[in-house]
Amino acid sequence: MLDTENFQSVHKTEPCDRAIYCKLEKFLPKQFVCADFFRKLNQKRYDVQGFSPDELFRKDVKKYQTQQDTFYTISSLPNGTGYLWKKDPKLIDAFHKYREENSLKITMILELSGQVNGQVNEILRLHVCAADEFFKPLVQYFMSDEELSSLMTLEEKDQKQKIAVWTLPNHLTRKTIQPRLLKNFKDVPNLVETTF
């Protein structure tokens, strides 16, 4: 329900989403109102007050791994979290610490944001943190791959901190952007999604 915006988004709703709902619908109580439940879920989803950076990384994360080890993660953060990675050394350290403690080459955060350059405009931000040997080729790949460069705009990068931020259209989700992210990146082995 959350990913499809209660089945109202044409960009985010796929036939399989509706098919699963139809199968589960028979188990719902008669008085169940889909719109009410969606509203309550949304309220809880965006309540991240008091969360540490590490808790935010883990709140809604998907891992993608090889047969040997985990390669990268994408965490999804709610609207208005407002973490400014580049401006806060503690957050940058937490970003790298999470990546290193989980033996990841690349960690990404997909964040819906309400402001760009002071203008109210809902867009997605993709924050990327990478190991030394992956950062430069990854940035070059994102900027040179035809499909990605048509979707993503580099907002800022910090070669020293190994962190970069891209903006994307807000109709994209992790489910729709992830298969495109690294599919032609020659340094990445064939990946599969896994769970914790």
N, C-alpha and C. Protein backbone atom coordinates (compact mmCIF):
# COMPACT_ATOMS: atom_id res chain seq x y z
N MET A 1 0.82 -1.20 0.00
CA MET A 1 0.00 0.00 0.00
C MET A 1 0.85 1.25 0.00
N LEU A 2 1.90 1.26 0.79
CA LEU A 2 2.74 2.45 0.87
C LEU A 2 3.46 2.71 -0.44
N ASP A 3 4.05 1.67 -1.00
CA ASP A 3 4.81 1.85 -2.25
C ASP A 3 3.94 2.32 -3.40
N THR A 4 2.68 1.93 -3.39
CA THR A 4 1.79 2.28 -4.51
C THR A 4 0.93 3.50 -4.22
N GLU A 5 1.13 4.11 -3.04
CA GLU A 5 0.30 5.24 -2.60
C GLU A 5 -1.18 4.86 -2.63
N ASN A 6 -1.47 3.75 -1.98
CA ASN A 6 -2.84 3.22 -1.89
C ASN A 6 -3.42 2.94 -3.28
N PHE A 7 -2.56 2.44 -4.17
CA PHE A 7 -2.94 2.06 -5.54
C PHE A 7 -3.40 3.25 -6.38
N GLN A 8 -3.03 4.48 -5.95
CA GLN A 8 -3.45 5.68 -6.68
C GLN A 8 -2.38 6.17 -7.65
N SER A 9 -1.14 5.73 -7.49
CA SER A 9 -0.06 6.20 -8.35
C SER A 9 0.09 5.31 -9.58
N VAL A 10 -0.03 5.92 -10.76
CA VAL A 10 0.14 5.13 -11.99
C VAL A 10 1.60 4.75 -12.19
N HIS A 11 2.51 5.56 -11.66
CA HIS A 11 3.95 5.27 -11.81
C HIS A 11 4.41 4.16 -10.88
N LYS A 12 3.76 4.04 -9.73
CA LYS A 12 4.26 3.12 -8.70
C LYS A 12 3.44 1.85 -8.55
N THR A 13 2.29 1.77 -9.19
CA THR A 13 1.43 0.60 -9.05
C THR A 13 1.60 -0.33 -10.25
N GLU A 14 1.96 -1.56 -9.95
CA GLU A 14 2.14 -2.56 -10.99
C GLU A 14 1.02 -3.60 -10.91
N PRO A 15 0.75 -4.31 -11.99
CA PRO A 15 -0.32 -5.33 -11.96
C PRO A 15 -0.15 -6.34 -10.82
N CYS A 16 1.09 -6.70 -10.52
CA CYS A 16 1.31 -7.68 -9.44
C CYS A 16 0.88 -7.11 -8.08
N ASP A 17 0.97 -5.78 -7.88
CA ASP A 17 0.54 -5.17 -6.62
C ASP A 17 -0.97 -5.36 -6.44
N ARG A 18 -1.73 -5.09 -7.49
CA ARG A 18 -3.19 -5.25 -7.41
C ARG A 18 -3.58 -6.73 -7.24
N ALA A 19 -2.85 -7.61 -7.92
CA ALA A 19 -3.15 -9.04 -7.84
C ALA A 19 -2.96 -9.56 -6.41
N ILE A 20 -1.88 -9.13 -5.76
CA ILE A 20 -1.64 -9.56 -4.37
C ILE A 20 -2.72 -9.02 -3.45
N TYR A 21 -3.09 -7.75 -3.63
CA TYR A 21 -4.14 -7.17 -2.79
C TYR A 21 -5.45 -7.94 -2.95
N CYS A 22 -5.81 -8.28 -4.17
CA CYS A 22 -7.06 -9.03 -4.42
C CYS A 22 -7.04 -10.39 -3.71
N LYS A 23 -5.88 -11.02 -3.67
CA LYS A 23 -5.77 -12.32 -2.98
C LYS A 23 -5.90 -12.16 -1.47
N LEU A 24 -5.37 -11.07 -0.93
CA LEU A 24 -5.39 -10.86 0.52
C LEU A 24 -6.70 -10.26 1.01
N GLU A 25 -7.43 -9.61 0.12
CA GLU A 25 -8.64 -8.88 0.49
C GLU A 25 -9.66 -9.75 1.23
N LYS A 26 -9.76 -11.01 0.85
CA LYS A 26 -10.75 -11.90 1.49
C LYS A 26 -10.46 -12.15 2.97
N PHE A 27 -9.22 -11.87 3.41
CA PHE A 27 -8.87 -12.08 4.82
C PHE A 27 -9.12 -10.83 5.68
N LEU A 28 -9.49 -9.71 5.04
CA LEU A 28 -9.69 -8.46 5.78
C LEU A 28 -11.06 -8.42 6.43
N PRO A 29 -11.19 -7.75 7.58
CA PRO A 29 -12.51 -7.63 8.21
C PRO A 29 -13.46 -6.83 7.31
N LYS A 30 -14.75 -7.07 7.44
CA LYS A 30 -15.75 -6.43 6.57
C LYS A 30 -15.72 -4.90 6.69
N GLN A 31 -15.43 -4.39 7.90
CA GLN A 31 -15.45 -2.95 8.12
C GLN A 31 -14.14 -2.27 7.72
N PHE A 32 -13.20 -3.02 7.15
CA PHE A 32 -11.90 -2.48 6.76
C PHE A 32 -12.06 -1.42 5.67
N VAL A 33 -11.44 -0.23 5.92
CA VAL A 33 -11.45 0.85 4.92
C VAL A 33 -10.00 1.10 4.50
N CYS A 34 -9.73 0.77 3.28
CA CYS A 34 -8.37 0.83 2.75
C CYS A 34 -7.74 2.22 2.94
N ALA A 35 -8.48 3.28 2.60
CA ALA A 35 -7.96 4.65 2.67
C ALA A 35 -7.59 5.04 4.10
N ASP A 36 -8.42 4.62 5.08
CA ASP A 36 -8.12 4.93 6.49
C ASP A 36 -6.84 4.24 6.95
N PHE A 37 -6.72 2.97 6.58
CA PHE A 37 -5.54 2.20 6.96
C PHE A 37 -4.28 2.80 6.33
N PHE A 38 -4.37 3.20 5.07
CA PHE A 38 -3.25 3.83 4.38
C PHE A 38 -2.83 5.11 5.08
N ARG A 39 -3.80 5.93 5.48
CA ARG A 39 -3.50 7.19 6.18
C ARG A 39 -2.74 6.92 7.49
N LYS A 40 -3.20 5.92 8.26
CA LYS A 40 -2.54 5.59 9.53
C LYS A 40 -1.12 5.06 9.30
N LEU A 41 -0.98 4.21 8.29
CA LEU A 41 0.36 3.69 7.96
C LEU A 41 1.32 4.82 7.60
N ASN A 42 0.83 5.77 6.81
CA ASN A 42 1.66 6.89 6.38
C ASN A 42 2.12 7.73 7.56
N GLN A 43 1.21 7.96 8.52
CA GLN A 43 1.58 8.75 9.70
C GLN A 43 2.71 8.07 10.47
N LYS A 44 2.59 6.76 10.67
CA LYS A 44 3.62 6.02 11.40
C LYS A 44 4.92 5.94 10.61
N ARG A 45 4.79 5.82 9.30
CA ARG A 45 5.96 5.68 8.43
C ARG A 45 6.90 6.89 8.56
N TYR A 46 6.34 8.08 8.67
CA TYR A 46 7.15 9.30 8.69
C TYR A 46 7.53 9.75 10.09
N ASP A 47 7.15 8.98 11.10
CA ASP A 47 7.49 9.34 12.47
C ASP A 47 8.87 8.79 12.81
N VAL A 48 9.90 9.58 12.59
CA VAL A 48 11.27 9.14 12.85
C VAL A 48 11.94 10.02 13.91
N GLN A 49 11.12 10.69 14.68
CA GLN A 49 11.66 11.57 15.71
C GLN A 49 12.50 10.76 16.70
N GLY A 50 13.69 11.25 16.97
CA GLY A 50 14.56 10.58 17.93
C GLY A 50 15.39 9.45 17.34
N PHE A 51 15.24 9.16 16.05
CA PHE A 51 16.04 8.10 15.43
C PHE A 51 17.48 8.57 15.25
N SER A 52 18.42 7.70 15.55
CA SER A 52 19.83 7.99 15.27
C SER A 52 20.09 7.73 13.79
N PRO A 53 21.20 8.25 13.22
CA PRO A 53 21.51 7.94 11.81
C PRO A 53 21.54 6.44 11.54
N ASP A 54 22.14 5.67 12.46
CA ASP A 54 22.23 4.23 12.27
C ASP A 54 20.84 3.58 12.22
N GLU A 55 19.92 4.06 13.08
CA GLU A 55 18.56 3.52 13.08
C GLU A 55 17.83 3.87 11.78
N LEU A 56 18.11 5.06 11.25
CA LEU A 56 17.50 5.45 9.97
C LEU A 56 18.01 4.58 8.83
N PHE A 57 19.33 4.28 8.84
CA PHE A 57 19.89 3.41 7.79
C PHE A 57 19.18 2.06 7.78
N ARG A 58 18.85 1.56 8.98
CA ARG A 58 18.30 0.21 9.10
C ARG A 58 16.77 0.17 9.03
N LYS A 59 16.12 1.31 9.16
CA LYS A 59 14.65 1.35 9.25
C LYS A 59 13.98 0.72 8.04
N ASP A 60 14.44 1.06 6.86
CA ASP A 60 13.83 0.54 5.63
C ASP A 60 14.95 0.33 4.62
N VAL A 61 15.66 -0.78 4.78
CA VAL A 61 16.85 -1.03 3.97
C VAL A 61 16.70 -2.33 3.18
N LYS A 62 17.24 -2.32 1.99
CA LYS A 62 17.31 -3.54 1.17
C LYS A 62 18.79 -3.78 0.84
N LYS A 63 19.18 -5.06 0.93
CA LYS A 63 20.54 -5.46 0.59
C LYS A 63 20.55 -6.11 -0.78
N TYR A 64 21.64 -5.92 -1.50
CA TYR A 64 21.84 -6.59 -2.78
C TYR A 64 23.21 -7.26 -2.69
N GLN A 65 23.27 -8.57 -2.95
CA GLN A 65 24.51 -9.28 -2.66
C GLN A 65 24.89 -10.26 -3.75
N THR A 66 26.17 -10.59 -3.71
CA THR A 66 26.69 -11.66 -4.56
C THR A 66 26.54 -12.96 -3.79
N GLN A 67 27.00 -14.06 -4.35
CA GLN A 67 26.95 -15.34 -3.62
C GLN A 67 27.91 -15.32 -2.44
N GLN A 68 28.97 -14.51 -2.55
CA GLN A 68 29.97 -14.50 -1.49
C GLN A 68 29.65 -13.52 -0.36
N ASP A 69 29.31 -12.27 -0.72
CA ASP A 69 29.11 -11.28 0.34
C ASP A 69 28.18 -10.17 -0.13
N THR A 70 27.73 -9.38 0.84
CA THR A 70 26.87 -8.25 0.52
C THR A 70 27.68 -7.19 -0.19
N PHE A 71 27.09 -6.60 -1.22
CA PHE A 71 27.82 -5.59 -1.98
C PHE A 71 27.32 -4.18 -1.71
N TYR A 72 26.02 -3.95 -1.76
CA TYR A 72 25.53 -2.61 -1.45
C TYR A 72 24.13 -2.65 -0.87
N THR A 73 23.74 -1.54 -0.25
CA THR A 73 22.40 -1.40 0.32
C THR A 73 21.78 -0.10 -0.19
N ILE A 74 20.45 -0.09 -0.21
CA ILE A 74 19.71 1.17 -0.43
C ILE A 74 18.71 1.30 0.71
N SER A 75 18.89 2.34 1.50
CA SER A 75 17.93 2.66 2.56
C SER A 75 16.96 3.70 2.02
N SER A 76 15.72 3.63 2.45
CA SER A 76 14.73 4.61 2.03
C SER A 76 14.34 5.45 3.24
N LEU A 77 14.53 6.77 3.12
CA LEU A 77 14.22 7.67 4.23
C LEU A 77 12.96 8.46 3.93
N PRO A 78 12.18 8.75 4.97
CA PRO A 78 10.93 9.49 4.75
C PRO A 78 11.16 10.96 4.44
N ASN A 79 10.13 11.57 3.92
CA ASN A 79 10.12 12.99 3.59
C ASN A 79 10.49 13.84 4.81
N GLY A 80 11.37 14.82 4.59
CA GLY A 80 11.65 15.80 5.63
C GLY A 80 12.61 15.35 6.71
N THR A 81 13.31 14.24 6.52
CA THR A 81 14.28 13.81 7.52
C THR A 81 15.34 14.89 7.70
N GLY A 82 15.75 15.49 6.59
CA GLY A 82 16.59 16.68 6.64
C GLY A 82 18.03 16.47 7.06
N TYR A 83 18.55 15.28 6.93
CA TYR A 83 19.95 15.09 7.25
C TYR A 83 20.82 15.69 6.15
N LEU A 84 21.71 16.58 6.53
CA LEU A 84 22.62 17.23 5.59
C LEU A 84 23.99 16.61 5.76
N TRP A 85 24.24 15.53 5.02
CA TRP A 85 25.45 14.73 5.22
C TRP A 85 26.71 15.57 5.08
N LYS A 86 26.77 16.39 4.06
CA LYS A 86 28.01 17.12 3.77
C LYS A 86 28.32 18.17 4.84
N LYS A 87 27.29 18.66 5.51
CA LYS A 87 27.48 19.74 6.48
C LYS A 87 27.71 19.24 7.90
N ASP A 88 27.59 17.94 8.12
CA ASP A 88 27.73 17.41 9.48
C ASP A 88 28.72 16.24 9.49
N PRO A 89 29.96 16.48 9.97
CA PRO A 89 30.98 15.41 9.98
C PRO A 89 30.53 14.17 10.74
N LYS A 90 29.71 14.33 11.79
CA LYS A 90 29.24 13.16 12.55
C LYS A 90 28.37 12.26 11.67
N LEU A 91 27.54 12.88 10.83
CA LEU A 91 26.68 12.09 9.95
C LEU A 91 27.50 11.40 8.86
N ILE A 92 28.52 12.09 8.36
CA ILE A 92 29.40 11.48 7.36
C ILE A 92 30.11 10.28 7.98
N ASP A 93 30.60 10.45 9.20
CA ASP A 93 31.26 9.34 9.90
C ASP A 93 30.29 8.17 10.11
N ALA A 94 29.04 8.49 10.48
CA ALA A 94 28.04 7.44 10.70
C ALA A 94 27.73 6.69 9.40
N PHE A 95 27.69 7.43 8.28
CA PHE A 95 27.44 6.84 6.97
C PHE A 95 28.54 5.83 6.64
N HIS A 96 29.81 6.24 6.80
CA HIS A 96 30.93 5.34 6.52
C HIS A 96 31.01 4.19 7.52
N LYS A 97 30.72 4.48 8.77
CA LYS A 97 30.77 3.44 9.80
C LYS A 97 29.75 2.33 9.48
N TYR A 98 28.54 2.74 9.08
CA TYR A 98 27.52 1.76 8.72
C TYR A 98 28.01 0.90 7.55
N ARG A 99 28.59 1.55 6.54
CA ARG A 99 29.09 0.83 5.36
C ARG A 99 30.18 -0.16 5.75
N GLU A 100 31.13 0.30 6.57
CA GLU A 100 32.27 -0.54 6.95
C GLU A 100 31.86 -1.68 7.87
N GLU A 101 30.99 -1.39 8.85
CA GLU A 101 30.58 -2.44 9.80
C GLU A 101 29.78 -3.55 9.12
N ASN A 102 29.14 -3.22 8.00
CA ASN A 102 28.36 -4.21 7.27
C ASN A 102 29.10 -4.77 6.05
N SER A 103 30.40 -4.48 5.97
CA SER A 103 31.26 -4.97 4.88
C SER A 103 30.68 -4.64 3.51
N LEU A 104 30.23 -3.40 3.36
CA LEU A 104 29.64 -2.95 2.10
C LEU A 104 30.64 -2.15 1.29
N LYS A 105 30.56 -2.29 -0.02
CA LYS A 105 31.38 -1.46 -0.92
C LYS A 105 30.69 -0.12 -1.14
N ILE A 106 29.35 -0.15 -1.23
CA ILE A 106 28.57 1.04 -1.54
C ILE A 106 27.32 1.04 -0.66
N THR A 107 27.01 2.20 -0.09
CA THR A 107 25.77 2.38 0.66
C THR A 107 25.02 3.56 0.05
N MET A 108 23.72 3.39 -0.17
CA MET A 108 22.93 4.47 -0.75
C MET A 108 21.71 4.74 0.12
N ILE A 109 21.29 5.99 0.10
CA ILE A 109 20.08 6.40 0.80
C ILE A 109 19.20 7.14 -0.20
N LEU A 110 17.98 6.70 -0.33
CA LEU A 110 17.01 7.37 -1.19
C LEU A 110 16.11 8.18 -0.28
N GLU A 111 16.16 9.51 -0.43
CA GLU A 111 15.43 10.39 0.50
C GLU A 111 14.49 11.32 -0.26
N LEU A 112 13.22 11.26 0.09
CA LEU A 112 12.27 12.22 -0.45
C LEU A 112 12.47 13.53 0.29
N SER A 113 12.65 14.61 -0.45
CA SER A 113 12.95 15.88 0.18
C SER A 113 11.94 16.92 -0.25
N GLY A 114 11.61 17.82 0.66
CA GLY A 114 10.63 18.85 0.35
C GLY A 114 11.22 20.15 -0.17
N GLN A 115 12.56 20.29 -0.18
CA GLN A 115 13.15 21.55 -0.63
C GLN A 115 14.37 21.33 -1.49
N VAL A 116 14.52 22.16 -2.52
CA VAL A 116 15.74 22.20 -3.32
C VAL A 116 16.12 23.66 -3.48
N ASN A 117 17.31 24.02 -3.03
CA ASN A 117 17.79 25.40 -3.11
C ASN A 117 16.76 26.40 -2.57
N GLY A 118 16.14 26.04 -1.46
CA GLY A 118 15.18 26.94 -0.82
C GLY A 118 13.79 26.92 -1.42
N GLN A 119 13.62 26.25 -2.56
CA GLN A 119 12.31 26.17 -3.22
C GLN A 119 11.57 24.91 -2.77
N VAL A 120 10.29 25.06 -2.45
CA VAL A 120 9.49 23.90 -2.10
C VAL A 120 9.22 23.11 -3.38
N ASN A 121 9.72 21.89 -3.41
CA ASN A 121 9.62 21.07 -4.63
C ASN A 121 9.98 19.64 -4.25
N GLU A 122 9.00 18.77 -4.22
CA GLU A 122 9.29 17.40 -3.81
C GLU A 122 10.10 16.68 -4.87
N ILE A 123 11.31 16.33 -4.51
CA ILE A 123 12.18 15.55 -5.39
C ILE A 123 12.81 14.44 -4.55
N LEU A 124 13.43 13.51 -5.21
CA LEU A 124 14.18 12.48 -4.51
C LEU A 124 15.65 12.86 -4.51
N ARG A 125 16.30 12.52 -3.42
CA ARG A 125 17.76 12.64 -3.38
C ARG A 125 18.33 11.25 -3.16
N LEU A 126 19.36 10.95 -3.92
CA LEU A 126 20.10 9.69 -3.74
C LEU A 126 21.47 10.04 -3.18
N HIS A 127 21.68 9.68 -1.91
CA HIS A 127 22.97 9.90 -1.25
C HIS A 127 23.80 8.63 -1.43
N VAL A 128 25.03 8.78 -1.86
CA VAL A 128 25.88 7.62 -2.13
C VAL A 128 27.17 7.75 -1.34
N CYS A 129 27.53 6.67 -0.65
CA CYS A 129 28.78 6.60 0.11
C CYS A 129 29.49 5.33 -0.35
N ALA A 130 30.75 5.46 -0.76
CA ALA A 130 31.43 4.31 -1.34
C ALA A 130 32.84 4.14 -0.77
N ALA A 131 33.32 2.91 -0.85
CA ALA A 131 34.71 2.62 -0.48
C ALA A 131 35.64 3.34 -1.46
N ASP A 132 36.88 3.60 -1.02
CA ASP A 132 37.83 4.38 -1.82
C ASP A 132 37.90 3.94 -3.27
N GLU A 133 38.04 2.64 -3.50
CA GLU A 133 38.29 2.14 -4.85
C GLU A 133 37.05 2.20 -5.74
N PHE A 134 35.87 2.43 -5.14
CA PHE A 134 34.64 2.44 -5.92
C PHE A 134 34.07 3.83 -6.17
N PHE A 135 34.46 4.81 -5.36
CA PHE A 135 33.79 6.10 -5.43
C PHE A 135 33.95 6.78 -6.79
N LYS A 136 35.18 6.97 -7.24
CA LYS A 136 35.41 7.69 -8.50
C LYS A 136 34.78 6.97 -9.70
N PRO A 137 35.02 5.65 -9.88
CA PRO A 137 34.38 4.99 -11.02
C PRO A 137 32.85 4.98 -10.94
N LEU A 138 32.30 4.94 -9.72
CA LEU A 138 30.84 4.95 -9.56
C LEU A 138 30.26 6.29 -9.99
N VAL A 139 30.89 7.39 -9.55
CA VAL A 139 30.43 8.73 -9.94
C VAL A 139 30.52 8.90 -11.45
N GLN A 140 31.63 8.47 -12.03
CA GLN A 140 31.80 8.57 -13.49
C GLN A 140 30.74 7.75 -14.21
N TYR A 141 30.45 6.57 -13.69
CA TYR A 141 29.44 5.72 -14.31
C TYR A 141 28.06 6.38 -14.27
N PHE A 142 27.66 6.89 -13.10
CA PHE A 142 26.36 7.54 -12.97
C PHE A 142 26.22 8.71 -13.95
N MET A 143 27.33 9.42 -14.18
CA MET A 143 27.29 10.60 -15.04
C MET A 143 27.38 10.26 -16.53
N SER A 144 27.94 9.11 -16.86
CA SER A 144 28.14 8.78 -18.27
C SER A 144 27.12 7.78 -18.83
N ASP A 145 26.49 6.99 -17.95
CA ASP A 145 25.50 6.03 -18.42
C ASP A 145 24.29 6.80 -18.96
N GLU A 146 23.93 6.51 -20.21
CA GLU A 146 22.89 7.29 -20.89
C GLU A 146 21.55 7.27 -20.15
N GLU A 147 21.12 6.09 -19.72
CA GLU A 147 19.83 5.98 -19.04
C GLU A 147 19.83 6.73 -17.71
N LEU A 148 20.90 6.53 -16.91
CA LEU A 148 20.96 7.17 -15.60
C LEU A 148 21.14 8.68 -15.70
N SER A 149 21.99 9.13 -16.61
CA SER A 149 22.24 10.57 -16.71
C SER A 149 21.01 11.33 -17.18
N SER A 150 20.07 10.63 -17.83
CA SER A 150 18.83 11.29 -18.22
C SER A 150 17.85 11.40 -17.04
N LEU A 151 18.07 10.58 -16.00
CA LEU A 151 17.20 10.58 -14.82
C LEU A 151 17.78 11.36 -13.65
N MET A 152 19.11 11.35 -13.52
CA MET A 152 19.76 11.84 -12.31
C MET A 152 20.62 13.07 -12.60
N THR A 153 20.59 14.01 -11.66
CA THR A 153 21.42 15.22 -11.76
C THR A 153 22.32 15.27 -10.54
N LEU A 154 23.63 15.38 -10.76
CA LEU A 154 24.57 15.46 -9.64
C LEU A 154 24.37 16.79 -8.93
N GLU A 155 24.06 16.73 -7.64
CA GLU A 155 23.85 17.94 -6.84
C GLU A 155 25.16 18.37 -6.18
N GLU A 156 25.86 17.39 -5.60
CA GLU A 156 27.17 17.69 -5.00
C GLU A 156 27.95 16.40 -4.81
N LYS A 157 29.27 16.55 -4.81
CA LYS A 157 30.12 15.39 -4.51
C LYS A 157 31.32 15.87 -3.72
N ASP A 158 31.82 14.99 -2.89
CA ASP A 158 32.99 15.29 -2.07
C ASP A 158 33.96 14.12 -2.23
N GLN A 159 34.96 14.32 -3.06
CA GLN A 159 35.93 13.25 -3.36
C GLN A 159 36.65 12.80 -2.09
N LYS A 160 36.97 13.76 -1.23
CA LYS A 160 37.69 13.43 0.00
C LYS A 160 36.85 12.57 0.95
N GLN A 161 35.56 12.94 1.10
CA GLN A 161 34.67 12.21 2.02
C GLN A 161 34.05 10.97 1.37
N LYS A 162 34.18 10.85 0.03
CA LYS A 162 33.62 9.71 -0.72
C LYS A 162 32.09 9.65 -0.60
N ILE A 163 31.48 10.86 -0.70
CA ILE A 163 30.02 10.97 -0.65
C ILE A 163 29.56 11.86 -1.80
N ALA A 164 28.47 11.47 -2.44
CA ALA A 164 27.87 12.28 -3.51
C ALA A 164 26.36 12.23 -3.39
N VAL A 165 25.70 13.27 -3.92
CA VAL A 165 24.24 13.36 -3.85
C VAL A 165 23.71 13.69 -5.24
N TRP A 166 22.72 12.90 -5.66
CA TRP A 166 22.02 13.15 -6.93
C TRP A 166 20.57 13.47 -6.65
N THR A 167 19.94 14.25 -7.55
CA THR A 167 18.50 14.44 -7.49
C THR A 167 17.85 13.64 -8.61
N LEU A 168 16.63 13.16 -8.34
CA LEU A 168 15.88 12.34 -9.30
C LEU A 168 14.42 12.80 -9.31
N PRO A 169 13.68 12.46 -10.37
CA PRO A 169 12.25 12.79 -10.38
C PRO A 169 11.52 12.06 -9.25
N ASN A 170 10.52 12.72 -8.66
CA ASN A 170 9.90 12.14 -7.46
C ASN A 170 8.92 11.01 -7.74
N HIS A 171 8.68 10.68 -9.02
CA HIS A 171 7.79 9.54 -9.28
C HIS A 171 8.54 8.21 -9.18
N LEU A 172 9.88 8.26 -9.07
CA LEU A 172 10.66 7.03 -8.96
C LEU A 172 10.63 6.50 -7.53
N THR A 173 10.80 5.21 -7.39
CA THR A 173 10.89 4.57 -6.09
C THR A 173 12.15 3.70 -6.09
N ARG A 174 12.48 3.16 -4.93
CA ARG A 174 13.62 2.25 -4.87
C ARG A 174 13.37 1.05 -5.79
N LYS A 175 12.14 0.58 -5.80
CA LYS A 175 11.78 -0.59 -6.62
C LYS A 175 12.00 -0.31 -8.11
N THR A 176 11.74 0.92 -8.55
CA THR A 176 11.87 1.22 -9.98
C THR A 176 13.28 1.68 -10.36
N ILE A 177 13.98 2.33 -9.42
CA ILE A 177 15.32 2.84 -9.78
C ILE A 177 16.42 1.81 -9.56
N GLN A 178 16.28 0.93 -8.57
CA GLN A 178 17.37 0.00 -8.25
C GLN A 178 17.82 -0.87 -9.42
N PRO A 179 16.91 -1.47 -10.20
CA PRO A 179 17.40 -2.32 -11.30
C PRO A 179 18.24 -1.56 -12.33
N ARG A 180 18.04 -0.25 -12.40
CA ARG A 180 18.78 0.55 -13.39
C ARG A 180 20.13 1.03 -12.87
N LEU A 181 20.27 1.09 -11.54
CA LEU A 181 21.41 1.80 -10.97
C LEU A 181 22.77 1.24 -11.40
N LEU A 182 22.96 -0.05 -11.26
CA LEU A 182 24.30 -0.59 -11.49
C LEU A 182 24.33 -1.66 -12.58
N LYS A 183 23.30 -1.69 -13.43
CA LYS A 183 23.22 -2.82 -14.37
C LYS A 183 24.34 -2.82 -15.40
N ASN A 184 24.91 -1.67 -15.73
CA ASN A 184 26.00 -1.62 -16.72
C ASN A 184 27.35 -1.25 -16.09
N PHE A 185 27.40 -1.23 -14.77
CA PHE A 185 28.64 -0.86 -14.08
C PHE A 185 29.57 -2.06 -14.09
N LYS A 186 30.65 -1.98 -14.84
CA LYS A 186 31.49 -3.16 -15.10
C LYS A 186 32.16 -3.71 -13.85
N ASP A 187 32.29 -2.90 -12.81
CA ASP A 187 32.97 -3.36 -11.59
C ASP A 187 32.03 -4.09 -10.63
N VAL A 188 30.75 -4.23 -11.00
CA VAL A 188 29.79 -4.85 -10.10
C VAL A 188 29.40 -6.23 -10.61
N PRO A 189 29.52 -7.27 -9.78
CA PRO A 189 29.09 -8.61 -10.19
C PRO A 189 27.57 -8.68 -10.26
N ASN A 190 27.04 -9.77 -10.77
CA ASN A 190 25.60 -9.96 -10.84
C ASN A 190 25.02 -10.00 -9.43
N LEU A 191 24.04 -9.14 -9.15
CA LEU A 191 23.53 -8.98 -7.79
C LEU A 191 22.13 -9.52 -7.66
N VAL A 192 21.80 -9.97 -6.45
CA VAL A 192 20.43 -10.38 -6.17
C VAL A 192 20.00 -9.70 -4.88
N GLU A 193 18.70 -9.43 -4.75
CA GLU A 193 18.19 -8.81 -3.54
C GLU A 193 18.11 -9.86 -2.44
N THR A 194 18.40 -9.45 -1.23
CA THR A 194 18.30 -10.37 -0.10
C THR A 194 17.69 -9.61 1.05
N THR A 195 17.41 -10.30 2.13
CA THR A 195 16.87 -9.64 3.32
C THR A 195 17.82 -9.88 4.48
N PHE A 196 17.65 -9.12 5.55
CA PHE A 196 18.52 -9.29 6.72
C PHE A 196 18.24 -10.61 7.40
